[in-house]
Structures are given as structure tokens and as C-alpha cells.
Protein backbone atom coordinates (compact mmCIF):
# COMPACT_ATOMS: atom_id res chain seq x y z
CA UNK A 1 0.00 0.00 0.00
CA UNK A 2 1.18 3.52 -0.81
CA UNK A 3 1.31 5.27 2.57
CA UNK A 4 1.59 8.63 0.76
CA UNK A 5 -2.17 8.34 0.23
CA UNK A 6 -2.58 9.20 3.91
CA UNK A 7 -1.84 12.29 6.00
CA UNK A 8 -1.08 11.76 9.71
CA UNK A 9 -3.50 12.55 12.52
CA UNK A 10 -3.26 16.24 13.45
CA UNK A 11 -0.80 17.24 16.16
CA UNK A 12 -3.59 19.09 18.00
CA UNK A 13 -5.46 15.78 18.44
CA UNK A 14 -2.36 14.11 19.86
CA UNK A 15 -1.74 17.08 22.17
CA UNK A 16 -5.32 16.75 23.42
CA UNK A 17 -4.78 13.02 23.93
CA UNK A 18 -1.80 13.66 26.22
CA UNK A 19 -4.17 15.30 28.73
CA UNK A 20 -6.50 12.27 28.83
CA UNK A 21 -6.54 9.30 31.21
CA UNK A 22 -3.82 6.68 30.64
CA UNK A 23 -6.56 4.05 30.17
CA UNK A 24 -8.60 5.91 27.54
CA UNK A 25 -9.18 4.40 24.09
CA UNK A 26 -6.83 6.80 22.30
CA UNK A 27 -3.87 5.43 24.26
CA UNK A 28 -4.68 1.88 23.09
CA UNK A 29 -4.83 2.80 19.37
CA UNK A 30 -1.83 2.66 17.02
CA UNK A 31 -1.89 6.18 15.56
CA UNK A 32 -0.34 7.45 12.34
CA UNK A 33 1.47 10.57 13.55
CA UNK A 34 4.04 12.92 12.09
CA UNK A 35 6.46 12.01 14.87
CA UNK A 36 6.00 8.22 14.99
CA UNK A 37 5.19 7.64 11.32
CA UNK A 38 2.87 4.98 9.94
CA UNK A 39 1.81 2.31 12.48
CA UNK A 40 2.66 -1.37 12.30
CA UNK A 41 -0.49 -3.22 11.17
CA UNK A 42 0.58 -6.65 12.45
CA UNK A 43 -2.43 -8.25 14.24
CA UNK A 44 -4.56 -5.14 13.70
CA UNK A 45 -8.24 -6.00 13.18
CA UNK A 46 -9.78 -2.53 12.76
CA UNK A 47 -8.36 0.50 10.95
CA UNK A 48 -9.93 3.95 11.16
CA UNK A 49 -9.30 6.50 8.42
CA UNK A 50 -10.89 9.75 7.35
CA UNK A 51 -11.77 10.98 3.84
CA UNK A 52 -11.47 14.73 3.21
CA UNK A 53 -13.50 14.61 -0.02
CA UNK A 54 -16.67 16.70 -0.27
CA UNK A 55 -16.84 17.72 -3.93
CA UNK A 56 -19.55 15.20 -4.85
CA UNK A 57 -21.61 15.61 -1.70
CA UNK A 58 -24.97 17.10 -2.66
CA UNK A 59 -25.81 20.27 -0.73
CA UNK A 60 -23.35 19.46 2.06
CA UNK A 61 -20.07 21.06 1.00
CA UNK A 62 -17.47 20.87 3.76
CA UNK A 63 -18.30 17.33 4.91
CA UNK A 64 -14.69 16.16 4.63
CA UNK A 65 -13.27 18.75 7.03
CA UNK A 66 -12.49 18.90 10.74
CA UNK A 67 -12.43 15.17 11.37
CA UNK A 68 -10.21 15.91 14.36
CA UNK A 69 -13.35 16.70 16.37
CA UNK A 70 -14.54 13.09 15.96
CA UNK A 71 -11.12 11.78 16.94
CA UNK A 72 -10.95 13.98 20.05
CA UNK A 73 -14.27 12.56 21.25
CA UNK A 74 -13.40 8.97 20.29
CA UNK A 75 -9.95 8.95 21.85
CA UNK A 76 -11.20 10.12 25.24
CA UNK A 77 -13.79 7.31 25.55
CA UNK A 78 -12.84 4.27 27.62
CA UNK A 79 -12.61 0.90 25.86
CA UNK A 80 -14.75 -2.04 26.88
CA UNK A 81 -13.31 -5.41 27.81
CA UNK A 82 -11.77 -5.67 24.36
CA UNK A 83 -8.96 -7.70 22.83
CA UNK A 84 -9.10 -6.01 19.43
CA UNK A 85 -6.06 -4.20 18.05
CA UNK A 86 -7.05 -0.89 16.45
CA UNK A 87 -5.09 1.52 14.24
CA UNK A 88 -5.87 5.07 13.12
CA UNK A 89 -4.30 5.59 9.71
CA UNK A 90 -5.02 9.32 9.44
CA UNK A 91 -6.84 10.88 6.50
CA UNK A 92 -6.99 10.51 2.73
CA UNK A 93 -6.57 14.16 1.60
CA UNK A 94 -8.46 15.68 -1.31
CA UNK A 95 -6.77 14.69 -4.56
CA UNK A 96 -6.19 17.03 -7.48
CA UNK A 97 -9.44 15.60 -8.80
CA UNK A 98 -12.27 13.64 -7.16
CA UNK A 99 -11.13 10.63 -9.19
CA UNK A 100 -7.71 10.81 -7.51
CA UNK A 101 -9.35 10.68 -4.08
CA UNK A 102 -11.55 7.78 -5.14
CA UNK A 103 -8.52 5.87 -6.41
CA UNK A 104 -6.64 6.36 -3.12
CA UNK A 105 -9.66 5.31 -1.01
CA UNK A 106 -10.32 2.24 -3.15
CA UNK A 107 -6.67 1.14 -3.04
CA UNK A 108 -6.57 1.58 0.72
CA UNK A 109 -9.77 -0.40 1.34
CA UNK A 110 -8.64 -3.21 -0.99
CA UNK A 111 -5.31 -3.41 0.86
CA UNK A 112 -7.05 -3.60 4.26
CA UNK A 113 -9.57 -6.21 3.09
CA UNK A 114 -6.76 -8.44 1.82
CA UNK A 115 -5.11 -8.19 5.24
CA UNK A 116 -8.45 -9.08 6.93
CA UNK A 117 -8.55 -5.64 8.55
CA UNK A 118 -11.98 -3.99 8.78
CA UNK A 119 -11.88 -0.35 7.61
CA UNK A 120 -13.89 2.22 9.61
CA UNK A 121 -14.36 5.19 7.28
CA UNK A 122 -15.27 8.63 8.61
CA UNK A 123 -15.99 11.84 6.74
CA UNK A 124 -16.65 12.62 3.12
CA UNK A 125 -19.87 12.28 1.19
CA UNK A 126 -21.85 9.07 0.87
CA UNK A 127 -20.60 8.71 -2.70
CA UNK A 128 -17.62 7.03 -0.99
CA UNK A 129 -19.95 4.02 -0.54
CA UNK A 130 -19.65 3.38 -4.29
CA UNK A 131 -15.84 3.54 -4.01
CA UNK A 132 -15.99 1.14 -1.07
CA UNK A 133 -18.13 -1.26 -3.13
CA UNK A 134 -15.68 -1.15 -6.07
CA UNK A 135 -12.82 -2.05 -3.69
CA UNK A 136 -14.40 -5.54 -3.44
CA UNK A 137 -14.00 -6.16 -7.20
CA UNK A 138 -10.62 -7.81 -6.73
CA UNK A 139 -12.07 -10.23 -4.16
CA UNK A 140 -14.30 -11.69 -6.90
CA UNK A 141 -17.33 -12.23 -4.71
CA UNK A 142 -20.89 -10.97 -4.65
CA UNK A 143 -21.47 -8.16 -2.17
CA UNK A 144 -24.34 -7.10 0.10
CA UNK A 145 -24.72 -3.43 1.06
CA UNK A 146 -26.84 -2.15 3.94
CA UNK A 147 -27.33 1.63 3.98
CA UNK A 148 -28.84 3.53 6.89
CA UNK A 149 -30.33 6.50 5.09
CA UNK A 150 -33.54 8.53 4.84
CA UNK A 151 -33.11 8.49 1.04
CA UNK A 152 -32.29 5.73 -1.44
CA UNK A 153 -29.78 7.95 -3.32
CA UNK A 154 -30.67 6.31 -6.62
CA UNK A 155 -30.47 9.27 -8.97
CA UNK A 156 -30.29 8.49 -12.69
CA UNK A 157 -27.65 6.32 -14.32
CA UNK A 158 -26.64 9.19 -16.63
CA UNK A 159 -26.08 11.50 -13.61
CA UNK A 160 -22.54 12.07 -12.41
CA UNK A 161 -21.59 10.10 -9.31
CA UNK A 162 -22.72 12.05 -6.22
CA UNK A 163 -23.84 11.32 -2.68
CA UNK A 164 -27.44 11.23 -3.93
CA UNK A 165 -26.95 9.15 -7.10
CA UNK A 166 -24.40 6.52 -6.11
CA UNK A 167 -26.86 3.62 -5.83
CA UNK A 168 -27.76 3.56 -9.54
CA UNK A 169 -24.01 3.20 -10.26
CA UNK A 170 -23.74 0.31 -7.80
CA UNK A 171 -26.71 -1.46 -9.40
CA UNK A 172 -25.97 -0.86 -13.07
CA UNK A 173 -22.25 -0.41 -13.69
CA UNK A 174 -20.04 -3.35 -14.59
CA UNK A 175 -18.67 -5.44 -13.04
CA UNK A 176 -21.97 -5.96 -11.23
CA UNK A 177 -21.13 -7.77 -8.00
CA UNK A 178 -24.12 -6.63 -5.98
CA UNK A 179 -26.30 -9.43 -4.64
CA UNK A 180 -28.45 -7.53 -2.16
CA UNK A 181 -29.04 -3.94 -1.11
CA UNK A 182 -30.94 -3.08 2.07
CA UNK A 183 -32.07 0.40 3.03
CA UNK A 184 -32.76 0.94 6.72
CA UNK A 185 -34.76 3.96 7.84
CA UNK A 186 -36.03 5.54 4.62
CA UNK A 187 -38.61 8.30 4.95
CA UNK A 188 -41.30 8.02 2.27
CA UNK A 189 -41.65 11.76 1.56
CA UNK A 190 -37.96 11.93 0.55
CA UNK A 191 -38.30 9.18 -2.09
CA UNK A 192 -40.30 9.06 -5.30
CA UNK A 193 -42.89 6.28 -5.46
CA UNK A 194 -41.19 4.99 -8.64
CA UNK A 195 -37.97 4.51 -6.67
CA UNK A 196 -39.75 2.66 -3.88
CA UNK A 197 -41.35 0.39 -6.49
CA UNK A 198 -38.04 -0.09 -8.31
CA UNK A 199 -36.32 -1.37 -5.17
CA UNK A 200 -39.22 -3.74 -4.62
CA UNK A 201 -39.04 -4.95 -8.24
CA UNK A 202 -35.30 -5.61 -7.82
CA UNK A 203 -36.16 -7.73 -4.72
CA UNK A 204 -34.08 -5.49 -2.47
CA UNK A 205 -35.00 -4.85 1.17
CA UNK A 206 -36.21 -1.50 2.43
CA UNK A 207 -37.41 -0.64 5.93
CA UNK A 208 -39.40 2.53 6.57
CA UNK A 209 -38.23 4.51 9.57
CA UNK A 210 -41.17 3.45 11.75
CA UNK A 211 -40.57 -0.25 11.08
CA UNK A 212 -36.80 0.14 11.40
CA UNK A 213 -37.17 1.63 14.88
CA UNK A 214 -38.39 -1.81 15.98
CA UNK A 215 -34.76 -2.86 15.93
CA UNK A 216 -35.32 -6.62 15.91
CA UNK A 217 -36.84 -6.17 12.41
CA UNK A 218 -33.58 -4.87 10.95
CA UNK A 219 -30.92 -6.99 12.68
CA UNK A 220 -30.86 -9.57 9.83
CA UNK A 221 -30.09 -6.77 7.32
CA UNK A 222 -26.80 -6.16 9.13
CA UNK A 223 -26.02 -9.83 9.71
CA UNK A 224 -26.28 -10.27 5.93
CA UNK A 225 -24.16 -7.21 4.96
CA UNK A 226 -20.57 -6.95 3.75
CA UNK A 227 -20.64 -3.14 3.60
CA UNK A 228 -22.51 -0.92 6.07
CA UNK A 229 -22.90 2.73 5.08
CA UNK A 230 -24.49 5.27 7.44
CA UNK A 231 -25.58 8.73 6.32
CA UNK A 232 -25.64 11.07 9.31
CA UNK A 233 -28.78 12.55 7.74
CA UNK A 234 -30.65 9.39 8.83
CA UNK A 235 -30.38 10.64 12.42
CA UNK A 236 -32.82 13.32 13.61
CA UNK A 237 -31.43 16.86 13.45
CA UNK A 238 -31.82 17.46 17.19
CA UNK A 239 -29.47 14.51 17.82
CA UNK A 240 -27.00 15.11 14.96
CA UNK A 241 -27.14 18.66 13.55
CA UNK A 242 -23.86 18.40 11.59
CA UNK A 243 -25.43 17.87 8.16
CA UNK A 244 -26.88 20.48 5.82
CA UNK A 245 -29.51 17.91 4.72
CA UNK A 246 -30.56 17.05 8.28
CA UNK A 247 -34.25 16.48 8.99
CA UNK A 248 -36.43 16.71 12.13
CA UNK A 249 -37.23 12.99 11.88
CA UNK A 250 -34.85 10.06 12.02
CA UNK A 251 -33.16 7.71 14.45
CA UNK A 252 -32.37 8.70 18.01
CA UNK A 253 -28.79 8.53 19.27
CA UNK A 254 -29.28 5.30 21.22
CA UNK A 255 -30.95 3.68 18.18
CA UNK A 256 -28.10 4.50 15.80
CA UNK A 257 -25.62 3.20 18.41
CA UNK A 258 -27.58 -0.08 18.63
CA UNK A 259 -27.51 -0.26 14.82
CA UNK A 260 -23.73 0.30 14.85
CA UNK A 261 -23.39 -2.58 17.31
CA UNK A 262 -25.49 -4.81 15.03
CA UNK A 263 -23.05 -4.00 12.23
CA UNK A 264 -20.06 -4.81 14.43
CA UNK A 265 -21.41 -8.08 15.80
CA UNK A 266 -22.19 -9.41 12.31
CA UNK A 267 -19.61 -12.00 11.26
CA UNK A 268 -20.04 -10.90 7.65
CA UNK A 269 -19.49 -7.11 7.83
CA UNK A 270 -16.03 -6.25 6.52
CA UNK A 271 -16.31 -2.46 6.12
CA UNK A 272 -18.16 0.28 7.98
CA UNK A 273 -18.56 3.92 6.95
CA UNK A 274 -20.16 7.00 8.54
CA UNK A 275 -20.61 9.82 6.03
CA UNK A 276 -21.85 13.39 5.52
CA UNK A 277 -20.53 14.80 8.84
CA UNK A 278 -20.25 18.58 8.40
CA UNK A 279 -18.65 20.23 11.41
CA UNK A 280 -19.76 23.77 10.59
CA UNK A 281 -23.33 22.86 11.61
CA UNK A 282 -22.27 20.93 14.72
CA UNK A 283 -23.48 22.66 17.88
CA UNK A 284 -21.02 22.01 20.69
CA UNK A 285 -19.51 19.08 18.71
CA UNK A 286 -22.63 17.03 19.48
CA UNK A 287 -22.53 15.05 16.23
CA UNK A 288 -18.80 14.39 16.59
CA UNK A 289 -19.60 13.01 20.02
CA UNK A 290 -22.36 10.77 18.64
CA UNK A 291 -20.17 9.49 15.77
CA UNK A 292 -17.44 8.65 18.30
CA UNK A 293 -19.98 6.63 20.30
CA UNK A 294 -21.23 4.90 17.13
CA UNK A 295 -17.63 3.85 16.37
CA UNK A 296 -17.27 2.69 19.99
CA UNK A 297 -20.37 0.48 19.63
CA UNK A 298 -19.15 -0.89 16.31
CA UNK A 299 -15.83 -1.87 17.91
CA UNK A 300 -17.75 -3.36 20.84
CA UNK A 301 -19.77 -5.46 18.39
CA UNK A 302 -16.66 -6.71 16.58
CA UNK A 303 -15.22 -7.80 19.93
CA UNK A 304 -18.28 -9.92 20.62
CA UNK A 305 -18.51 -11.69 17.28
CA UNK A 306 -19.35 -15.31 18.01
CA UNK A 307 -19.10 -16.92 14.57
CA UNK A 308 -22.42 -18.70 15.02
CA UNK A 309 -23.10 -19.17 11.30
CA UNK A 310 -24.65 -22.65 10.95
CA UNK A 311 -22.64 -25.55 9.50
CA UNK A 312 -19.72 -24.75 11.80
CA UNK A 313 -20.68 -27.86 13.77
CA UNK A 314 -24.02 -29.55 14.34
CA UNK A 315 -23.72 -29.17 18.09
CA UNK A 316 -23.90 -25.38 17.62
CA UNK A 317 -27.36 -25.11 16.08
CA UNK A 318 -30.82 -26.63 15.85
CA UNK A 319 -32.46 -27.46 12.53
CA UNK A 320 -36.20 -26.93 11.98
CA UNK A 321 -38.07 -28.24 8.94
CA UNK A 322 -41.40 -26.62 8.12
CA UNK A 323 -43.61 -28.58 5.73
CA UNK A 324 -45.38 -26.30 3.27
CA UNK A 325 -48.70 -27.42 1.78
CA UNK A 326 -48.01 -26.56 -1.87
CA UNK A 327 -44.24 -26.31 -1.97
CA UNK A 328 -40.94 -27.81 -0.84
CA UNK A 329 -40.27 -27.70 2.91
CA UNK A 330 -38.50 -24.66 4.38
CA UNK A 331 -35.39 -25.33 6.46
CA UNK A 332 -34.53 -23.03 9.39
CA UNK A 333 -31.50 -23.01 11.68
CA UNK A 334 -31.26 -21.54 15.15
CA UNK A 335 -27.91 -20.82 16.79
CA UNK A 336 -27.48 -22.38 20.23
CA UNK A 337 -24.97 -19.64 21.07
CA UNK A 338 -27.06 -16.57 20.31
CA UNK A 339 -30.58 -17.66 19.43
CA UNK A 340 -30.25 -16.03 15.99
CA UNK A 341 -32.09 -17.60 13.04
CA UNK A 342 -31.30 -18.39 9.37
CA UNK A 343 -33.38 -19.77 6.53
CA UNK A 344 -31.86 -22.06 3.90
CA UNK A 345 -32.03 -21.26 0.18
CA UNK A 346 -31.82 -24.31 -2.08
CA UNK A 347 -29.14 -23.63 -4.69
CA UNK A 348 -26.79 -25.73 -6.79
CA UNK A 349 -23.44 -26.39 -5.15
CA UNK A 350 -21.53 -24.74 -8.00
CA UNK A 351 -23.81 -21.69 -8.02
CA UNK A 352 -21.98 -18.35 -7.77
CA UNK A 353 -24.40 -17.44 -4.99
CA UNK A 354 -23.43 -20.28 -2.67
CA UNK A 355 -22.25 -17.85 0.02
CA UNK A 356 -25.93 -16.81 0.21
CA UNK A 357 -27.21 -20.34 0.84
CA UNK A 358 -28.27 -19.22 4.31
CA UNK A 359 -30.16 -15.94 4.70
CA UNK A 360 -30.39 -14.36 8.17
CA UNK A 361 -33.96 -14.12 9.38
CA UNK A 362 -35.99 -13.65 12.55
CA UNK A 363 -37.98 -15.93 14.84
CA UNK A 364 -41.07 -14.20 13.43
CA UNK A 365 -40.15 -15.49 9.93
CA UNK A 366 -40.11 -19.03 11.35
CA UNK A 367 -43.45 -18.66 13.15
CA UNK A 368 -45.04 -17.23 9.99
CA UNK A 369 -43.74 -20.20 7.99
CA UNK A 370 -45.43 -22.54 10.47
CA UNK A 371 -48.68 -20.74 9.50
CA UNK A 372 -47.94 -21.48 5.81
CA UNK A 373 -46.78 -17.90 5.09
CA UNK A 374 -43.57 -17.91 3.03
CA UNK A 375 -41.13 -15.33 4.51
CA UNK A 376 -40.52 -12.35 2.24
CA UNK A 377 -36.73 -12.66 2.77
CA UNK A 378 -36.76 -16.19 1.36
CA UNK A 379 -38.92 -15.18 -1.60
CA UNK A 380 -36.71 -12.19 -2.51
CA UNK A 381 -33.49 -14.19 -2.20
CA UNK A 382 -34.84 -16.96 -4.43
CA UNK A 383 -35.98 -14.47 -7.07
CA UNK A 384 -32.51 -12.85 -7.19
CA UNK A 385 -30.92 -16.23 -7.85
CA UNK A 386 -33.20 -17.24 -10.73
């Protein structure tokens, strides 16, 4: 990896860290500093880096700046009972062109993925989600994206790539490695009915804000994700004012922290991004504080990953077969470790979708199947594989 892609963490952040408790999180992180240079990534499991790119962020110019406020708040938190090694790689500066920044971010994420290090991306517009997705091309696998956002950000395919049109690029541009997209927390009045129908016709998952606030409904969307992308605009303005597109409605702080923990605890999630933070609207650094806590909960989740995916050993799960009147039986698995549920999708062993042979689901999906109601998750997954 070209370390010149990254600028070190600001000296002011490190000076602030000196005044903090010896047991705070910042003193456990390997930090890229001007004095110490680039950190050793041996045994590192999580790597934080910022993106100073705002040129393609719609109506939120400045969202790549002042990431030191997030770091100040994060570093002074106290870690949980964690074993995870964490590094802070600094920031990817604005390139001469947006394309230059995208190239640097993509190269960095690809490098980290190959080293089995989970990137935690802060700052920049949500268009970086598309760059994150493209970084998986070299892994030659299908990818699931879960976005926490009040808008779908579809745009038109002919539009330039922006924070509000990146999804059409993910869906349509080659190579097309997307298997599933889930939106969590969309608000209907921000999305055209045609877009809502399009997502449904593509057999993607979308959860309106009211349904998403019942958090058990959305946990499977994170257990099934490779990439989790959070737009700060999905959080209500009173909780997170640092976004020029903020809205009175959205998730509360404790809800978005629970969501971040869901993302961390998922065995499948391999990258996590929080976008559209704009410090010039941030009263008393409130949003920086919330983002720091979201990162804390993500790290907490990663520390408590239990690798309870079925087939790891029959003693670790229970198998339930539900006989359907007019169809093949549905097979469910329940983890003995966590009580989490999966539903089996019947596919050929050489199918390119074999990593999706088990779809995370809920206990409610199982109980509905026992009433002869086929779970929507199963139906959508099957349709995508045909």
C-alpha cells in the first residue's frame, strides 16, 4: 500500500490526547502521527481513516473537514473489555481531482480487506460508498450493502456520481457484483414512489423509519451485509445537527448506536462507513460526540462476534423443517450460542451465490412459515438467484 495516500493525525489531536486518562481508548490505538510515522499493522483487526473529499456531496459542502473533532471525542472514551487491536491511519486528503481521491480510497480499502482488517471510514460524502463497493471487485465475490439513510440515493444512471446518485451506479455499472441492497430507515416523503417500487421490483430490502425503529426487524439486514454505510442525515437533526440535509425525523442517538453494534457483531461485515458529517453545523460538537460513540459500539460489536453461522458444527445449532402445503419444505436453523435464526435457500453447489445459501432471518419469519406464510426474505433471495 502507498502510505503517501494518507496524511497523519493532526498534532492538535495528539496534544489533546496527552491530557486524557492513561486508560482511555486513544492510548490503546496505534496512531499514524508525524512524529511516529505509519503504524505497524501486524495483528490489527480494525483500521480507522478519514476521507477529506466533499466535492460530490450534494448540498453538504465541507463534509470532509475537521475530522479531528470526531477523533478527540473517540480517543477520550474508555474501551470495553476488548482484545481487538485498532489503528488510526489518518486521513486521505483531497486529490487534485475527485477521481484521484476515489482511487486512493479504493486502493486503501482493498489493501485492508486483503489483510483481513476492517476499515472504519469517517468523513466525506456518501458517494464514498460506491468507491468502497468497487474495492471488493478484486475479491471476486458478490457483495451485500446495507445503507442507513432517509433516502435511497438512486439518482439516474446518466447523472454524475454524487452522494445522492451513487446507488444507480452500484446497481448498473459493470462489473456488477451486488447481490443484495438493504435500506434501513427511509422516509417516504424523501423518495419518489417509482424509486420505492423499483427497489421492490429488484427484490431489495427496504425498511421505513417506523418499522426500522423496531430494531429486531432490521438486525438480519446487518447480519447479511458486507458493507454498512451510514448517512448522518438518517439521524434526527436534534441529535445530529452536523449535516446540511438534516431532517427533524430520524433515528435517536441510542438507536443508531444499537444499529452500529449490530453492524459490528455481524460475522459478515467487513467495512463500515459514517458519512456526511459537516462540522460547521455541529453545535457544541454534538454530532462528533455521537459518531465517536457509534464507532465505539461498532468496535464493541466486533469484539463480541461469536461466529455462530450454521454448519460450523451440528452441536452449535438446531435445525427446523417446516412442511409447506403446496411447496418444498422450508429449512430453518437456530444458533445455540445466540438464538439467531437463518433460513436455507436451495441452490446448486456450484452456483456463484453459494455464500448466500443461508439468509439471516428472525424468529417471526419461522413462526409465519409454520402458518404457511412464506417469509418475504426467502422469496426475494430466491428471485434474485433465478
